[in-house]
Amino acid sequence: MDHSGLILLIFLAFLFAWGLNKVRKWMRFGPIAYTGIMVTFAIVMLALYTQSQR
């Protein structure tokens, strides 16, 4: 089983979280908004990953 896509997905998630943390401080997002964005990102990325596995 090839896990290269999953490894890339995890890397992109960390990169997205780092970038969102920088933007969150600039735009003054609260913890609820930050959590909502991260959950949405995770759901979308997992949906894209599962679609590519078919």
Protein backbone atom coordinates (compact mmCIF):
# COMPACT_ATOMS: atom_id res chain seq x y z
CA MET A 1 0.00 0.00 0.00
CA ASP A 2 1.39 3.37 -1.02
CA HIS A 3 1.34 5.95 1.78
CA SER A 4 3.07 8.80 -0.05
CA GLY A 5 -0.21 10.70 -0.45
CA LEU A 6 -0.97 10.35 3.24
CA ILE A 7 2.49 11.59 4.20
CA LEU A 8 2.02 14.60 1.93
CA LEU A 9 -1.41 15.22 3.48
CA ILE A 10 0.08 15.26 6.98
CA PHE A 11 2.83 17.64 5.86
CA LEU A 12 0.26 19.95 4.27
CA ALA A 13 -1.83 19.87 7.44
CA PHE A 14 1.15 21.00 9.54
CA LEU A 15 2.00 23.69 6.99
CA PHE A 16 -1.62 24.88 6.92
CA ALA A 17 -1.79 24.95 10.74
CA TRP A 18 1.43 26.97 10.92
CA GLY A 19 0.20 29.46 8.32
CA LEU A 20 -3.24 29.70 9.89
CA ASN A 21 -1.65 30.42 13.27
CA LYS A 22 0.21 33.38 11.72
CA VAL A 23 -3.00 34.64 10.07
CA ARG A 24 -5.02 34.03 13.25
CA LYS A 25 -2.85 36.43 15.22
CA TRP A 26 -3.11 39.04 12.46
CA MET A 27 -6.91 38.71 12.01
CA ARG A 28 -7.61 38.11 15.71
CA PHE A 29 -9.44 34.79 15.31
CA GLY A 30 -10.62 33.21 18.53
CA PRO A 31 -9.99 29.59 19.44
CA ILE A 32 -13.44 28.52 18.21
CA ALA A 33 -12.85 29.95 14.73
CA TYR A 34 -9.37 28.39 14.59
CA THR A 35 -10.76 24.98 15.59
CA GLY A 36 -13.58 25.25 13.05
CA ILE A 37 -11.18 26.06 10.23
CA MET A 38 -8.85 23.18 11.17
CA VAL A 39 -11.72 20.68 11.40
CA THR A 40 -13.06 21.82 8.02
CA PHE A 41 -9.57 21.52 6.52
CA ALA A 42 -9.15 18.00 7.92
CA ILE A 43 -12.53 16.85 6.58
CA VAL A 44 -11.87 18.28 3.11
CA MET A 45 -8.36 16.81 2.92
CA LEU A 46 -9.54 13.37 4.07
CA ALA A 47 -12.36 13.48 1.51
CA LEU A 48 -9.86 14.33 -1.24
CA TYR A 49 -7.49 11.58 -0.06
CA THR A 50 -10.22 8.93 -0.03
CA GLN A 51 -11.38 9.99 -3.50
CA SER A 52 -7.87 9.55 -4.87
CA GLN A 53 -7.66 6.03 -3.41
CA ARG A 54 -10.43 4.65 -5.64
